């Protein structure tokens, strides 16, 4: 073989291998992604012939399809939709649009994903109509209802997590909306319904539990700062800090105060445990400066800050920035400044403390169920990572339990049950209403549920409301619903 022929053969072999790799990638690796692409009209048209699978929560169909007498063949129906809409989203073939679980697991629900290949073959062979797979969620109906009813007309969100598994037991964002109005097959009617919802303020289409405009976590962040301090080995719950009534931020003329306007207790110094229990800003700001932003940043990331999570709904990353100066670091000591968080993230903080310092990846789905009720895909529990050692988590738990028993979070008390919790009343710019928080878990000695509640826009009380009076009682009702299952 001449040198030229050898070179040509090598080039042709390389081209053949490249073509083989590309087609294999398209047909195997990227098949599901391409099949679900918005511009893949063939898959879209095929999906109209398939009855869409149900979305199931606690054994109840919260989204299902019935036959319709139009070109789309099946109409999507949502049960008690405003309570579930932040999770289910909506599906509308006329708009070629979907959100929430309807979008995240569209391939399974529509029967057009890679997992449905064998079902499609069976349909062709048997001549029987194919139906999409159903999706079984982790949500607990009683906890979801308790959260929805407790939020009522407030603008806010609740997330409840099973600490040992990461299973999300409740996810509610209010105001909710009726997905049935956006699922109608009249394109103009559906578009008008969507536009009307999108124009509302607050926007009900935003899932405030995992996204939206993120809020400063306020004093709930003190839990994480205390954990960061104890983890260094240089600080304990009984370590003391100066206890002035006013504190000047380092390198600044700006001052901060405690919520009471006075000192944190009567002494000249105060312990970290009492600063958390009484929710005092000044000692936690002092502690944050002593620790430094790098130490707090590291602990924040161990709990999930600066990380997006797919439950499979995509969350917005909560934020703790790098390179803060001492003044900004001091503010983060009590959850102000540049730190922002979702309720999902603050629920993960409490769940990690409750789970002896191990943070689990949050998830909303237990299984995908086939047409014959077989399990097509099971979702397993998985660890995000260890944030703290168990003894550190125990020390933080003790302060949180004391906060509910006789401190700043008494609004979450439950008779006969030790609740570990922390409230937050976060300031926003200027005269804007406060953002009100609670995060915690119960029972403190055998945690079954961790909860985070955010109430935005001051709960309609401007700067007069507090996390203890508005957010903590909501969390209490959700905790009771889970423990009474």
Protein backbone atom coordinates (compact mmCIF):
# COMPACT_ATOMS: atom_id res chain seq x y z
CA UNK A 1 0.00 0.00 0.00
CA UNK A 2 1.39 3.35 -1.00
CA UNK A 3 1.89 6.10 1.57
CA UNK A 4 -0.98 8.14 0.04
CA UNK A 5 -3.42 5.22 0.19
CA UNK A 6 -2.41 4.52 3.80
CA UNK A 7 -3.09 8.14 4.75
CA UNK A 8 -6.44 8.07 2.91
CA UNK A 9 -7.38 4.83 4.69
CA UNK A 10 -6.55 6.35 8.07
CA UNK A 11 -8.61 9.45 7.28
CA UNK A 12 -11.56 7.34 6.13
CA UNK A 13 -11.29 5.14 9.24
CA UNK A 14 -11.23 8.21 11.43
CA UNK A 15 -14.31 9.62 9.62
CA UNK A 16 -16.15 6.30 10.02
CA UNK A 17 -15.34 6.12 13.75
CA UNK A 18 -16.45 9.75 14.20
CA UNK A 19 -19.73 9.03 12.41
CA UNK A 20 -20.27 5.88 14.47
CA UNK A 21 -19.59 7.75 17.72
CA UNK A 22 -21.90 10.61 16.75
CA UNK A 23 -24.80 8.36 15.77
CA UNK A 24 -24.31 6.24 18.89
CA UNK A 25 -24.37 9.38 21.03
CA UNK A 26 -27.57 10.60 19.35
CA UNK A 27 -29.34 7.25 19.53
CA UNK A 28 -28.24 6.26 23.04
CA UNK A 29 -26.82 8.99 25.25
CA UNK A 30 -28.74 12.03 23.95
CA UNK A 31 -31.87 10.20 22.79
CA UNK A 32 -34.08 11.21 25.70
CA UNK A 33 -32.92 14.83 25.70
CA UNK A 34 -33.51 15.17 21.94
CA UNK A 35 -36.83 13.37 22.20
CA UNK A 36 -38.06 15.89 24.78
CA UNK A 37 -36.69 18.97 23.00
CA UNK A 38 -39.29 21.70 22.47
CA UNK A 39 -38.71 21.70 18.69
CA UNK A 40 -39.19 17.95 18.29
CA UNK A 41 -42.69 18.14 16.84
CA UNK A 42 -42.85 14.42 16.03
CA UNK A 43 -42.52 13.45 19.70
CA UNK A 44 -45.01 16.16 20.56
CA UNK A 45 -47.61 14.86 18.10
CA UNK A 46 -46.99 11.27 19.19
CA UNK A 47 -47.60 12.25 22.80
CA UNK A 48 -51.16 13.40 21.97
CA UNK A 49 -52.07 9.76 21.20
CA UNK A 50 -50.96 8.67 24.66
CA UNK A 51 -52.97 9.23 27.81
CA UNK A 52 -50.64 11.16 30.10
CA UNK A 53 -49.70 9.47 33.36
CA UNK A 54 -50.86 10.69 36.74
CA UNK A 55 -48.98 12.66 39.37
CA UNK A 56 -49.67 11.01 42.72
CA UNK A 57 -49.18 12.34 46.24
CA UNK A 58 -49.89 10.12 49.24
CA UNK A 59 -51.97 7.77 47.11
CA UNK A 60 -54.13 10.55 45.61
CA UNK A 61 -54.06 11.64 41.96
CA UNK A 62 -53.35 15.37 42.03
CA UNK A 63 -52.95 15.51 38.25
CA UNK A 64 -54.49 13.11 35.72
CA UNK A 65 -55.88 12.99 32.16
CA UNK A 66 -59.37 12.31 30.79
CA UNK A 67 -60.50 11.86 27.21
CA UNK A 68 -61.39 15.02 25.29
CA UNK A 69 -63.15 15.54 21.97
CA UNK A 70 -60.53 17.67 20.27
CA UNK A 71 -57.27 17.19 18.41
CA UNK A 72 -55.31 16.81 21.64
CA UNK A 73 -57.42 13.79 22.69
CA UNK A 74 -56.81 14.12 26.45
CA UNK A 75 -57.49 16.94 28.90
CA UNK A 76 -55.32 17.44 31.96
CA UNK A 77 -57.16 17.77 35.30
CA UNK A 78 -55.70 19.08 38.57
CA UNK A 79 -57.20 18.28 41.99
CA UNK A 80 -57.15 21.02 44.66
CA UNK A 81 -54.74 22.76 42.35
CA UNK A 82 -53.79 25.92 44.33
CA UNK A 83 -52.45 23.69 47.10
CA UNK A 84 -50.30 21.63 44.74
CA UNK A 85 -49.58 24.01 41.85
CA UNK A 86 -46.10 24.97 43.06
CA UNK A 87 -45.11 21.32 42.59
CA UNK A 88 -47.23 20.01 39.70
CA UNK A 89 -47.03 23.09 37.50
CA UNK A 90 -49.23 22.74 34.43
CA UNK A 91 -49.25 20.97 31.05
CA UNK A 92 -50.91 22.47 27.97
CA UNK A 93 -50.48 20.93 24.51
CA UNK A 94 -52.21 23.90 22.85
CA UNK A 95 -49.48 26.21 24.14
CA UNK A 96 -46.82 23.51 23.85
CA UNK A 97 -45.90 24.52 27.37
CA UNK A 98 -45.40 22.89 30.75
CA UNK A 99 -43.91 23.73 34.14
CA UNK A 100 -43.14 22.01 37.44
CA UNK A 101 -43.14 18.21 37.62
CA UNK A 102 -45.17 18.20 34.40
CA UNK A 103 -42.11 19.61 32.68
CA UNK A 104 -39.31 18.00 34.68
CA UNK A 105 -40.64 14.45 34.13
CA UNK A 106 -42.45 15.03 30.85
CA UNK A 107 -40.77 12.08 29.13
CA UNK A 108 -42.15 9.65 31.70
CA UNK A 109 -45.58 11.25 32.02
CA UNK A 110 -46.08 11.53 28.27
CA UNK A 111 -44.76 8.05 27.50
CA UNK A 112 -42.25 9.44 25.01
CA UNK A 113 -39.06 9.20 27.07
CA UNK A 114 -36.33 6.60 26.77
CA UNK A 115 -37.84 4.63 29.67
CA UNK A 116 -41.07 4.19 27.68
CA UNK A 117 -39.43 2.42 24.72
CA UNK A 118 -40.49 -1.10 25.77
CA UNK A 119 -44.02 0.12 26.55
CA UNK A 120 -44.25 1.53 23.03
CA UNK A 121 -43.12 -1.79 21.52
CA UNK A 122 -45.73 -3.60 23.62
CA UNK A 123 -48.39 -1.16 22.39
CA UNK A 124 -47.45 -1.83 18.75
CA UNK A 125 -47.48 -5.60 19.22
CA UNK A 126 -50.68 -5.80 21.30
CA UNK A 127 -52.59 -3.05 19.55
CA UNK A 128 -53.59 -1.71 22.97
CA UNK A 129 -53.46 2.01 23.69
CA UNK A 130 -50.36 3.15 25.54
CA UNK A 131 -50.52 5.34 28.61
CA UNK A 132 -47.75 7.43 30.09
CA UNK A 133 -46.05 6.46 33.31
CA UNK A 134 -47.26 7.85 36.62
CA UNK A 135 -45.06 9.75 39.04
CA UNK A 136 -45.29 9.07 42.77
CA UNK A 137 -44.22 12.07 44.84
CA UNK A 138 -42.72 12.13 48.34
CA UNK A 139 -45.24 14.71 49.56
CA UNK A 140 -47.39 14.02 52.60
CA UNK A 141 -50.96 15.18 51.96
CA UNK A 142 -51.63 16.17 55.58
CA UNK A 143 -48.42 18.20 55.82
CA UNK A 144 -49.09 19.86 52.46
CA UNK A 145 -52.62 20.82 53.50
CA UNK A 146 -51.46 22.08 56.89
CA UNK A 147 -48.82 24.26 55.24
CA UNK A 148 -51.23 25.61 52.64
CA UNK A 149 -53.98 26.41 55.14
CA UNK A 150 -51.55 27.92 57.65
CA UNK A 151 -50.07 30.25 55.04
CA UNK A 152 -53.56 31.28 53.98
CA UNK A 153 -53.52 34.67 52.27
CA UNK A 154 -49.90 35.35 53.19
CA UNK A 155 -47.18 35.65 50.58
CA UNK A 156 -44.59 33.01 51.40
CA UNK A 157 -43.56 29.38 51.32
CA UNK A 158 -43.05 26.25 53.39
CA UNK A 159 -40.68 23.33 52.87
CA UNK A 160 -40.71 20.26 55.12
CA UNK A 161 -38.05 17.57 54.81
CA UNK A 162 -37.55 14.13 56.33
CA UNK A 163 -34.05 14.65 57.81
CA UNK A 164 -32.73 11.09 57.47
CA UNK A 165 -33.75 10.68 53.81
CA UNK A 166 -34.07 14.10 52.19
CA UNK A 167 -37.64 13.28 51.10
CA UNK A 168 -39.66 16.49 50.81
CA UNK A 169 -42.89 16.09 52.77
CA UNK A 170 -44.38 19.49 51.96
CA UNK A 171 -43.63 22.20 49.43
CA UNK A 172 -46.10 25.07 49.28
CA UNK A 173 -45.76 28.50 47.73
CA UNK A 174 -48.44 31.15 48.16
CA UNK A 175 -50.30 32.61 46.51
CA UNK A 176 -50.99 29.47 44.51
CA UNK A 177 -53.01 29.25 41.30
CA UNK A 178 -55.49 26.97 39.57
CA UNK A 179 -53.56 25.05 36.92
CA UNK A 180 -56.85 23.96 35.33
CA UNK A 181 -57.31 27.50 34.01
CA UNK A 182 -53.99 27.32 32.16
CA UNK A 183 -54.48 23.73 30.96
CA UNK A 184 -57.55 24.42 28.78
CA UNK A 185 -57.17 23.47 25.10
CA UNK A 186 -58.22 26.85 23.77
CA UNK A 187 -54.86 28.47 23.06
CA UNK A 188 -56.20 32.01 23.35
CA UNK A 189 -58.06 31.26 26.58
CA UNK A 190 -55.05 29.51 28.12
CA UNK A 191 -52.69 32.30 27.08
CA UNK A 192 -55.01 34.91 28.55
CA UNK A 193 -55.20 32.95 31.83
CA UNK A 194 -51.42 32.65 31.96
CA UNK A 195 -50.85 36.33 31.20
CA UNK A 196 -53.35 37.31 33.89
CA UNK A 197 -51.51 35.20 36.46
CA UNK A 198 -48.12 36.45 35.33
CA UNK A 199 -49.26 40.07 35.73
CA UNK A 200 -50.33 39.60 39.36
CA UNK A 201 -48.16 40.90 42.17
CA UNK A 202 -47.15 38.80 43.96
CA UNK A 203 -46.74 36.42 41.03
CA UNK A 204 -48.38 33.05 41.79
CA UNK A 205 -46.37 31.36 39.02
CA UNK A 206 -43.18 31.77 41.08
CA UNK A 207 -42.27 28.90 43.39
CA UNK A 208 -41.07 30.83 46.42
CA UNK A 209 -40.04 27.59 48.13
CA UNK A 210 -37.11 27.07 45.77
CA UNK A 211 -36.76 30.22 43.67
CA UNK A 212 -38.28 33.68 43.17
CA UNK A 213 -36.63 36.73 44.70
CA UNK A 214 -34.41 35.30 47.42
CA UNK A 215 -34.55 36.82 50.89
CA UNK A 216 -31.95 37.39 53.60
CA UNK A 217 -32.43 34.52 56.08
CA UNK A 218 -32.21 36.79 59.11
CA UNK A 219 -31.55 35.18 62.47
CA UNK A 220 -32.19 31.64 61.18
CA UNK A 221 -28.64 31.91 59.80
CA UNK A 222 -27.30 32.11 63.37
CA UNK A 223 -27.72 28.34 63.52
CA UNK A 224 -25.14 27.94 60.76
CA UNK A 225 -22.76 30.52 62.26
CA UNK A 226 -22.88 28.74 65.63
CA UNK A 227 -22.15 25.42 63.90
CA UNK A 228 -19.18 27.01 62.11
CA UNK A 229 -17.82 28.29 65.45
CA UNK A 230 -18.19 24.96 67.28
CA UNK A 231 -16.65 23.06 64.36
CA UNK A 232 -13.39 24.99 64.72
CA UNK A 233 -12.85 23.43 68.14
CA UNK A 234 -11.95 26.88 69.50
CA UNK A 235 -15.48 27.79 70.54
CA UNK A 236 -18.09 26.00 72.65
CA UNK A 237 -21.68 26.84 73.58
CA UNK A 238 -20.35 28.36 76.81
CA UNK A 239 -17.77 30.58 75.10
CA UNK A 240 -18.53 34.23 75.83
CA UNK A 241 -18.61 37.42 73.78
CA UNK A 242 -18.87 41.11 74.78
CA UNK A 243 -22.45 42.22 75.41
CA UNK A 244 -22.93 45.91 74.48
CA UNK A 245 -26.27 47.45 73.54
CA UNK A 246 -24.83 48.92 70.34
CA UNK A 247 -22.12 47.56 68.02
CA UNK A 248 -20.23 49.56 65.41
CA UNK A 249 -19.45 47.54 62.28
CA UNK A 250 -15.69 47.21 61.71
CA UNK A 251 -14.26 49.92 59.46
CA UNK A 252 -17.63 51.70 59.42
CA UNK A 253 -19.66 54.23 61.33
CA UNK A 254 -22.80 52.10 60.99
CA UNK A 255 -24.16 50.51 64.12
CA UNK A 256 -26.36 47.50 64.77
CA UNK A 257 -28.48 46.61 67.77
CA UNK A 258 -30.32 43.64 69.19
CA UNK A 259 -34.02 43.27 68.46
CA UNK A 260 -34.81 44.36 72.02
CA UNK A 261 -32.73 47.53 71.69
CA UNK A 262 -30.76 46.58 74.80
CA UNK A 263 -28.12 44.05 75.75
CA UNK A 264 -28.42 40.28 75.35
CA UNK A 265 -29.32 39.49 78.92
CA UNK A 266 -28.00 41.39 81.90
CA UNK A 267 -24.32 40.44 82.01
CA UNK A 268 -21.30 42.18 80.51
CA UNK A 269 -20.73 39.07 78.42
CA UNK A 270 -23.06 36.48 76.87
CA UNK A 271 -22.53 32.85 75.81
CA UNK A 272 -23.01 31.70 72.22
CA UNK A 273 -25.76 29.34 73.40
CA UNK A 274 -27.70 32.21 74.95
CA UNK A 275 -27.10 34.45 71.94
CA UNK A 276 -28.78 31.80 69.77
CA UNK A 277 -31.52 31.09 72.33
CA UNK A 278 -32.42 34.76 72.72
CA UNK A 279 -31.64 35.57 69.06
CA UNK A 280 -29.24 38.44 69.79
CA UNK A 281 -27.62 40.16 66.83
CA UNK A 282 -24.59 41.85 68.39
CA UNK A 283 -22.78 38.79 69.85
CA UNK A 284 -23.39 36.83 66.64
CA UNK A 285 -21.96 39.72 64.59
CA UNK A 286 -18.93 39.78 66.88
CA UNK A 287 -18.57 36.02 66.53
CA UNK A 288 -18.80 36.20 62.73
CA UNK A 289 -15.95 38.72 62.61
CA UNK A 290 -13.84 36.51 64.89
CA UNK A 291 -14.49 33.49 62.66
CA UNK A 292 -13.91 35.36 59.41
CA UNK A 293 -15.88 35.12 56.19
CA UNK A 294 -13.86 32.15 54.88
CA UNK A 295 -14.86 29.93 57.82
CA UNK A 296 -18.53 30.81 57.49
CA UNK A 297 -18.37 30.45 53.69
CA UNK A 298 -16.98 26.92 54.07
CA UNK A 299 -19.73 25.90 56.48
CA UNK A 300 -22.42 27.51 54.33
CA UNK A 301 -21.30 25.51 51.30
CA UNK A 302 -21.27 22.30 53.35
CA UNK A 303 -24.98 22.88 54.02
CA UNK A 304 -25.70 23.57 50.34
CA UNK A 305 -25.26 27.31 49.81
CA UNK A 306 -24.03 28.36 46.34
CA UNK A 307 -25.41 25.10 44.96
CA UNK A 308 -28.44 24.39 42.77
CA UNK A 309 -30.50 21.32 43.59
CA UNK A 310 -32.69 19.27 41.26
CA UNK A 311 -35.53 17.65 43.16
CA UNK A 312 -36.16 17.29 40.05
CA UNK A 313 -37.52 20.85 40.15
CA UNK A 314 -34.52 23.15 39.72
CA UNK A 315 -33.79 25.40 42.69
CA UNK A 316 -32.08 28.76 42.68
CA UNK A 317 -28.78 28.63 44.56
CA UNK A 318 -28.81 30.29 47.97
CA UNK A 319 -25.91 32.71 48.24
CA UNK A 320 -23.04 33.25 50.61
CA UNK A 321 -20.40 35.24 48.69
CA UNK A 322 -16.63 35.02 48.99
CA UNK A 323 -14.33 37.81 50.02
CA UNK A 324 -16.57 39.80 52.36
CA UNK A 325 -14.99 42.53 54.42
CA UNK A 326 -15.37 42.50 58.20
CA UNK A 327 -18.40 44.80 58.18
CA UNK A 328 -20.28 42.59 55.70
CA UNK A 329 -19.16 39.46 57.55
CA UNK A 330 -20.54 40.91 60.78
CA UNK A 331 -23.92 41.40 59.10
CA UNK A 332 -24.01 37.78 57.94
CA UNK A 333 -23.58 36.76 61.58
CA UNK A 334 -27.29 37.45 61.94
CA UNK A 335 -28.36 36.66 58.37
CA UNK A 336 -28.24 40.15 56.87
CA UNK A 337 -25.98 41.79 54.32
CA UNK A 338 -25.26 39.82 51.17
CA UNK A 339 -26.41 36.37 52.32
CA UNK A 340 -29.70 35.18 50.78
CA UNK A 341 -31.55 31.88 50.99
CA UNK A 342 -34.51 29.84 49.81
CA UNK A 343 -36.81 28.02 52.24
CA UNK A 344 -35.49 24.78 50.73
CA UNK A 345 -31.97 25.75 51.80
CA UNK A 346 -32.94 26.72 55.34
CA UNK A 347 -34.91 23.48 55.68
CA UNK A 348 -31.74 21.66 54.60
CA UNK A 349 -29.77 23.45 57.33
CA UNK A 350 -32.20 22.26 60.01
CA UNK A 351 -32.42 18.79 58.46
CA UNK A 352 -28.63 18.51 58.47
CA UNK A 353 -28.42 19.49 62.14
CA UNK A 354 -31.24 17.04 62.92
CA UNK A 355 -29.44 14.25 61.03
CA UNK A 356 -26.29 14.40 63.19
CA UNK A 357 -24.60 16.79 60.79
CA UNK A 358 -25.22 14.87 57.56
CA UNK A 359 -27.07 16.79 54.83
CA UNK A 360 -29.16 14.71 52.44
CA UNK A 361 -29.96 15.69 48.87
CA UNK A 362 -33.59 16.84 48.78
CA UNK A 363 -35.98 14.95 46.50
CA UNK A 364 -39.63 15.20 45.52
CA UNK A 365 -40.11 11.87 43.74
CA UNK A 366 -40.23 8.35 45.15
CA UNK A 367 -40.86 6.39 41.97
CA UNK A 368 -42.01 6.29 38.37
CA UNK A 369 -44.80 3.70 38.01
CA UNK A 370 -45.53 1.73 34.83
CA UNK A 371 -48.87 0.96 33.22
CA UNK A 372 -48.95 -2.42 35.00
CA UNK A 373 -48.18 -0.73 38.36
CA UNK A 374 -44.60 -2.00 38.26
CA UNK A 375 -41.80 0.31 39.40
CA UNK A 376 -40.05 1.64 36.32
CA UNK A 377 -37.59 3.75 38.29
CA UNK A 378 -37.03 4.05 42.02
CA UNK A 379 -35.45 7.21 43.45
CA UNK A 380 -32.93 6.51 46.19
CA UNK A 381 -31.79 8.59 49.14
CA UNK A 382 -28.39 10.19 48.68
CA UNK A 383 -26.04 12.23 50.81
CA UNK A 384 -25.03 15.74 49.86
CA UNK A 385 -22.27 15.55 52.47
CA UNK A 386 -21.33 15.89 56.10
CA UNK A 387 -21.60 19.49 57.26
CA UNK A 388 -20.65 18.98 60.91
CA UNK A 389 -19.73 16.27 63.36
CA UNK A 390 -22.54 14.84 65.49
CA UNK A 391 -21.35 16.55 68.67
CA UNK A 392 -21.46 19.95 66.95
CA UNK A 393 -24.98 19.21 65.71
CA UNK A 394 -25.99 18.23 69.25
CA UNK A 395 -24.70 21.51 70.67
CA UNK A 396 -26.62 23.52 68.07
CA UNK A 397 -29.73 21.41 68.72
CA UNK A 398 -29.57 22.20 72.42
CA UNK A 399 -29.59 25.95 71.74
CA UNK A 400 -32.44 25.61 69.22
CA UNK A 401 -34.48 23.53 71.67
CA UNK A 402 -33.93 26.14 74.37
CA UNK A 403 -34.99 28.86 71.94
CA UNK A 404 -38.41 27.20 71.51
CA UNK A 405 -38.75 26.27 75.19
CA UNK A 406 -38.06 29.68 76.70
CA UNK A 407 -36.29 31.86 74.17
CA UNK A 408 -37.13 33.78 71.00
CA UNK A 409 -39.03 30.99 69.22
CA UNK A 410 -41.80 30.07 71.65
CA UNK A 411 -44.41 30.35 68.89
CA UNK A 412 -43.37 26.84 67.77
CA UNK A 413 -43.98 25.13 71.13
CA UNK A 414 -45.91 21.84 71.01
CA UNK A 415 -47.16 20.28 74.23
CA UNK A 416 -45.32 17.09 75.03
CA UNK A 417 -42.79 17.44 72.19
CA UNK A 418 -39.37 19.06 72.28
CA UNK A 419 -39.09 21.26 69.18
CA UNK A 420 -35.72 22.63 68.08
CA UNK A 421 -36.16 25.91 66.22
CA UNK A 422 -34.89 29.33 65.29
CA UNK A 423 -36.84 32.37 64.16
CA UNK A 424 -35.71 35.18 61.92
CA UNK A 425 -36.97 38.70 61.27
CA UNK A 426 -34.93 39.94 58.34
CA UNK A 427 -34.67 43.59 57.40
CA UNK A 428 -34.84 44.73 53.79
CA UNK A 429 -33.90 48.04 52.19
CA UNK A 430 -35.22 51.25 53.76
CA UNK A 431 -38.84 51.14 54.82
CA UNK A 432 -39.62 47.86 53.06
CA UNK A 433 -41.53 45.26 55.13
CA UNK A 434 -39.54 42.65 57.01
CA UNK A 435 -39.14 39.06 55.81
CA UNK A 436 -40.21 36.63 58.55
CA UNK A 437 -38.66 33.20 59.03
CA UNK A 438 -38.68 30.04 61.08
CA UNK A 439 -36.59 26.90 60.69
CA UNK A 440 -36.43 23.89 62.96
CA UNK A 441 -37.19 20.23 63.50
CA UNK A 442 -38.99 17.82 65.83
CA UNK A 443 -38.88 15.81 67.94
CA UNK A 444 -35.51 17.22 68.97
CA UNK A 445 -34.25 13.85 70.23
CA UNK A 446 -35.64 11.77 67.34
CA UNK A 447 -36.21 14.10 64.39
CA UNK A 448 -38.95 13.11 61.95
CA UNK A 449 -39.39 16.40 60.12
CA UNK A 450 -37.42 19.59 59.49
CA UNK A 451 -39.29 22.70 58.41
CA UNK A 452 -38.53 26.12 56.99
CA UNK A 453 -41.14 28.86 56.66
CA UNK A 454 -40.77 32.25 55.01
CA UNK A 455 -43.41 34.96 55.13
CA UNK A 456 -42.66 37.78 52.70
CA UNK A 457 -43.90 41.36 52.59
CA UNK A 458 -44.00 41.50 56.38
CA UNK A 459 -47.04 39.27 56.46
CA UNK A 460 -49.06 42.43 55.76
CA UNK A 461 -47.73 44.01 58.95
CA UNK A 462 -44.92 46.06 57.45
CA UNK A 463 -42.10 46.18 60.01
CA UNK A 464 -44.32 45.22 62.95
CA UNK A 465 -44.45 41.44 62.49
CA UNK A 466 -41.87 38.91 63.66
CA UNK A 467 -40.78 35.42 62.80
CA UNK A 468 -42.04 34.19 66.16
CA UNK A 469 -45.56 35.57 65.78
CA UNK A 470 -46.17 34.69 62.11
CA UNK A 471 -43.71 32.09 60.80
CA UNK A 472 -43.25 29.88 63.87
CA UNK A 473 -46.99 29.03 64.30
CA UNK A 474 -47.11 27.95 60.64
CA UNK A 475 -44.18 25.59 61.19
CA UNK A 476 -45.87 24.26 64.33
CA UNK A 477 -48.94 23.20 62.35
CA UNK A 478 -46.85 21.45 59.71
CA UNK A 479 -44.80 19.62 62.34
CA UNK A 480 -47.98 18.50 64.10
CA UNK A 481 -49.44 17.23 60.83
CA UNK A 482 -46.37 15.09 60.18
CA UNK A 483 -46.09 13.74 63.72
CA UNK A 484 -49.80 12.91 63.85
CA UNK A 485 -49.70 10.80 60.66
